[in-house]
Protein backbone atom coordinates (compact mmCIF):
# COMPACT_ATOMS: atom_id res chain seq x y z
CA UNK A 1 -88.39 90.36 197.84
CA UNK A 2 -85.11 90.77 195.98
CA UNK A 3 -85.77 94.42 195.09
CA UNK A 4 -86.58 95.41 198.68
CA UNK A 5 -84.05 97.25 200.81
CA UNK A 6 -83.21 95.66 204.14
CA UNK A 7 -80.83 95.72 207.07
CA UNK A 8 -79.64 92.71 209.02
CA UNK A 9 -79.78 92.65 212.81
CA UNK A 10 -78.43 89.48 214.46
CA UNK A 11 -79.00 87.49 211.24
CA UNK A 12 -82.60 88.76 211.06
CA UNK A 13 -83.57 90.85 208.04
CA UNK A 14 -85.67 93.97 208.61
CA UNK A 15 -87.11 95.02 205.26
CA UNK A 16 -87.73 98.56 204.00
CA UNK A 17 -86.26 100.11 207.17
CA UNK A 18 -86.57 103.73 205.96
CA UNK A 19 -90.19 103.19 204.95
CA UNK A 20 -90.93 101.59 208.32
CA UNK A 21 -89.14 104.43 210.10
CA UNK A 22 -91.02 107.18 208.25
CA UNK A 23 -94.30 105.39 209.06
CA UNK A 24 -93.26 105.43 212.71
CA UNK A 25 -92.46 109.17 212.43
CA UNK A 26 -96.06 109.77 211.28
CA UNK A 27 -97.26 107.68 214.23
CA UNK A 28 -95.17 109.72 216.69
CA UNK A 29 -96.56 113.00 215.33
CA UNK A 30 -100.11 111.65 215.64
CA UNK A 31 -99.62 110.24 219.16
CA UNK A 32 -98.13 113.60 220.21
CA UNK A 33 -101.00 115.53 218.60
CA UNK A 34 -103.58 113.33 220.37
CA UNK A 35 -101.86 113.87 223.70
CA UNK A 36 -101.62 117.63 223.22
CA UNK A 37 -105.32 117.84 222.34
CA UNK A 38 -106.19 115.64 225.31
CA UNK A 39 -104.40 118.08 227.64
CA UNK A 40 -106.78 120.85 226.53
CA UNK A 41 -109.61 118.99 228.32
CA UNK A 42 -112.27 120.31 225.95
CA UNK A 43 -115.64 118.56 225.80
CA UNK A 44 -116.77 119.58 222.30
CA UNK A 45 -117.74 116.64 220.10
CA UNK A 46 -115.54 117.84 217.24
CA UNK A 47 -112.57 118.02 219.60
CA UNK A 48 -113.14 114.42 220.70
CA UNK A 49 -113.37 113.31 217.06
CA UNK A 50 -110.06 114.98 216.28
CA UNK A 51 -108.44 113.11 219.17
CA UNK A 52 -109.79 109.79 217.90
CA UNK A 53 -108.57 110.62 214.39
CA UNK A 54 -105.01 111.18 215.59
CA UNK A 55 -105.04 108.14 217.87
CA UNK A 56 -106.30 105.79 215.16
CA UNK A 57 -103.93 107.22 212.55
CA UNK A 58 -101.05 106.75 214.99
CA UNK A 59 -101.88 103.08 215.46
CA UNK A 60 -102.51 102.65 211.71
CA UNK A 61 -99.10 104.00 210.68
CA UNK A 62 -97.28 102.25 213.52
CA UNK A 63 -98.89 98.97 212.47
CA UNK A 64 -98.10 99.63 208.81
CA UNK A 65 -94.46 100.40 209.57
CA UNK A 66 -93.95 97.13 211.44
CA UNK A 67 -96.25 94.62 209.74
CA UNK A 68 -96.80 96.31 206.38
CA UNK A 69 -93.12 96.97 205.65
CA UNK A 70 -90.47 95.79 208.11
CA UNK A 71 -91.88 92.27 208.49
CA UNK A 72 -94.09 92.02 205.41
CA UNK A 73 -91.96 89.49 203.45
CA UNK A 74 -92.44 87.06 206.33
CA UNK A 75 -96.21 87.55 206.43
CA UNK A 76 -99.20 87.07 204.16
CA UNK A 77 -101.08 89.90 202.43
CA UNK A 78 -103.81 89.64 205.05
CA UNK A 79 -101.50 91.25 207.60
CA UNK A 80 -101.73 94.58 205.76
CA UNK A 81 -105.52 94.76 206.06
CA UNK A 82 -105.83 95.81 209.74
CA UNK A 83 -103.57 98.82 209.14
CA UNK A 84 -105.62 99.83 206.10
CA UNK A 85 -108.86 99.55 208.05
CA UNK A 86 -107.47 101.64 210.91
CA UNK A 87 -106.36 104.32 208.44
CA UNK A 88 -109.83 104.42 206.85
CA UNK A 89 -111.51 104.58 210.23
CA UNK A 90 -109.24 107.44 211.30
CA UNK A 91 -110.22 109.47 208.22
CA UNK A 92 -113.86 108.73 208.98
CA UNK A 93 -113.35 110.50 212.31
CA UNK A 94 -111.56 113.40 210.60
CA UNK A 95 -114.64 113.74 208.39
CA UNK A 96 -116.86 113.54 211.46
CA UNK A 97 -114.84 116.29 213.15
CA UNK A 98 -115.34 118.51 210.08
CA UNK A 99 -119.07 117.74 210.07
CA UNK A 100 -119.47 118.55 213.78
CA UNK A 101 -117.43 121.71 213.29
CA UNK A 102 -120.20 123.15 211.11
CA UNK A 103 -122.92 122.52 213.69
CA UNK A 104 -124.86 125.73 214.13
CA UNK A 105 -124.07 126.88 210.59
CA UNK A 106 -125.95 124.25 208.57
CA UNK A 107 -129.46 122.81 208.64
CA UNK A 108 -129.90 120.08 211.26
CA UNK A 109 -131.32 117.62 208.71
CA UNK A 110 -128.40 118.20 206.37
CA UNK A 111 -125.99 117.65 209.27
CA UNK A 112 -127.79 114.40 210.07
CA UNK A 113 -127.57 113.35 206.42
CA UNK A 114 -123.81 113.98 206.39
CA UNK A 115 -123.46 111.93 209.57
CA UNK A 116 -125.30 108.96 208.04
CA UNK A 117 -123.31 109.23 204.82
CA UNK A 118 -120.13 109.27 206.90
CA UNK A 119 -121.08 105.90 208.40
CA UNK A 120 -122.32 104.38 205.14
CA UNK A 121 -119.17 105.49 203.32
CA UNK A 122 -116.94 103.70 205.83
CA UNK A 123 -119.01 100.50 205.65
CA UNK A 124 -118.92 100.46 201.83
CA UNK A 125 -115.14 100.90 201.64
CA UNK A 126 -114.61 98.51 204.53
CA UNK A 127 -116.43 95.79 202.57
CA UNK A 128 -114.59 96.65 199.34
CA UNK A 129 -111.18 96.43 201.02
CA UNK A 130 -111.97 93.12 202.72
CA UNK A 131 -113.43 91.70 199.51
CA UNK A 132 -110.73 92.83 197.07
CA UNK A 133 -107.66 93.38 199.31
CA UNK A 134 -106.80 96.23 196.93
CA UNK A 135 -104.97 99.31 198.24
CA UNK A 136 -106.58 101.43 195.53
CA UNK A 137 -109.79 101.52 197.56
CA UNK A 138 -107.85 103.06 200.46
CA UNK A 139 -106.69 105.78 198.06
CA UNK A 140 -110.20 106.32 196.70
CA UNK A 141 -111.57 106.56 200.23
CA UNK A 142 -108.87 109.08 201.16
CA UNK A 143 -109.61 111.16 198.07
CA UNK A 144 -113.31 111.16 198.85
CA UNK A 145 -112.72 112.04 202.50
CA UNK A 146 -110.52 115.03 201.74
CA UNK A 147 -112.02 116.37 198.51
CA UNK A 148 -115.72 115.65 199.07
CA UNK A 149 -116.05 116.14 202.83
CA UNK A 150 -113.17 117.73 204.73
CA UNK A 151 -112.21 120.40 202.17
CA UNK A 152 -115.75 121.59 201.23
CA UNK A 153 -116.87 121.73 204.87
CA UNK A 154 -113.81 123.69 205.89
CA UNK A 155 -114.28 126.10 203.00
CA UNK A 156 -117.88 126.60 204.11
CA UNK A 157 -116.83 126.96 207.74
CA UNK A 158 -114.23 129.56 206.78
CA UNK A 159 -116.69 131.54 204.65
CA UNK A 160 -119.12 131.66 207.59
CA UNK A 161 -116.64 132.34 210.38
CA UNK A 162 -113.34 133.54 208.85
CA UNK A 163 -111.76 131.36 211.52
CA UNK A 164 -107.95 131.44 211.43
CA UNK A 165 -107.77 127.68 212.14
CA UNK A 166 -109.09 126.87 208.66
CA UNK A 167 -105.83 127.83 206.98
CA UNK A 168 -104.08 125.06 208.91
CA UNK A 169 -106.68 122.56 207.72
CA UNK A 170 -106.11 123.76 204.15
CA UNK A 171 -102.35 123.29 204.59
CA UNK A 172 -102.97 119.81 205.99
CA UNK A 173 -105.18 118.89 203.04
CA UNK A 174 -102.57 120.32 200.65
CA UNK A 175 -99.72 118.27 202.09
CA UNK A 176 -101.95 115.18 202.12
CA UNK A 177 -102.62 115.77 198.43
CA UNK A 178 -98.90 116.11 197.75
CA UNK A 179 -98.34 112.81 199.58
CA UNK A 180 -100.87 111.09 197.31
CA UNK A 181 -99.31 112.59 194.17
CA UNK A 182 -95.82 111.62 195.31
CA UNK A 183 -96.97 108.06 195.92
CA UNK A 184 -98.89 107.65 192.65
CA UNK A 185 -96.32 109.39 190.45
CA UNK A 186 -93.53 107.37 192.11
CA UNK A 187 -91.48 110.45 192.98
CA UNK A 188 -88.49 109.37 195.04
CA UNK A 189 -84.80 110.12 195.38
CA UNK A 190 -83.21 106.72 195.86
CA UNK A 191 -84.00 103.10 196.64
CA UNK A 192 -83.31 103.99 200.27
CA UNK A 193 -85.61 107.02 200.16
CA UNK A 194 -88.31 106.20 197.67
CA UNK A 195 -91.75 107.60 196.82
CA UNK A 196 -93.34 105.89 199.82
CA UNK A 197 -90.79 107.37 202.22
CA UNK A 198 -91.31 110.85 200.81
CA UNK A 199 -95.09 110.51 200.97
CA UNK A 200 -94.82 109.50 204.64
CA UNK A 201 -92.78 112.63 205.39
CA UNK A 202 -95.43 114.75 203.71
CA UNK A 203 -98.14 112.98 205.73
CA UNK A 204 -96.26 113.78 208.95
CA UNK A 205 -96.27 117.48 207.98
CA UNK A 206 -99.98 117.23 207.10
CA UNK A 207 -100.74 115.68 210.49
CA UNK A 208 -98.95 118.54 212.24
CA UNK A 209 -101.03 121.12 210.38
CA UNK A 210 -104.23 119.24 211.18
CA UNK A 211 -103.17 119.35 214.84
CA UNK A 212 -102.63 123.12 214.69
CA UNK A 213 -106.05 123.55 213.13
CA UNK A 214 -107.79 121.24 215.63
CA UNK A 215 -106.12 123.01 218.54
CA UNK A 216 -107.19 126.46 217.39
CA UNK A 217 -110.67 125.74 216.08
CA UNK A 218 -111.84 124.22 219.36
CA UNK A 219 -109.84 126.27 221.85
CA UNK A 220 -110.79 129.60 220.30
CA UNK A 221 -114.31 128.80 219.12
């Protein structure tokens, strides 16, 4: 606890305030994206999955900011788990949105297989996280989601349709990748703006690009 930054408000210590704040920034971007997509009133299944992705990610990062950082020294490790699970579930819906996006361009049986794998994948990592309480499985799940599902499906979708929205998904995946590298390589500027803070900022940018892609791919398709 001694190496953690904190501010004192009325004799109460709030730990890692910048980290908590940048988590909340990601949550605000995701809540806003969900609301903007909701206003489009589109009924496509992929559109609904994108909305759920943003909503769950918003709650995940809001929870993480408060209970995973600001109040964590007062709480047990178990308090981090709900935020991790919400983050994994949100990415599961991002994968689902990418799968549904390709409907009409891939074989129905293959689409069904991807859907089942999407569910099995979440269950496997859900069990691993609960069993081990290791954040590394959240990272592995994220890597699998982006590199093995979201990116390949969007590349395929772009090759079949040349849809302009795909470039925003690629930007979103790119900034997400930079966030992971920043976190794992511990690239930060200061104790008050460390590698976690920077990775959160990159995730906020990634979320915005995913919103732009989701808005265009469903509105224009």
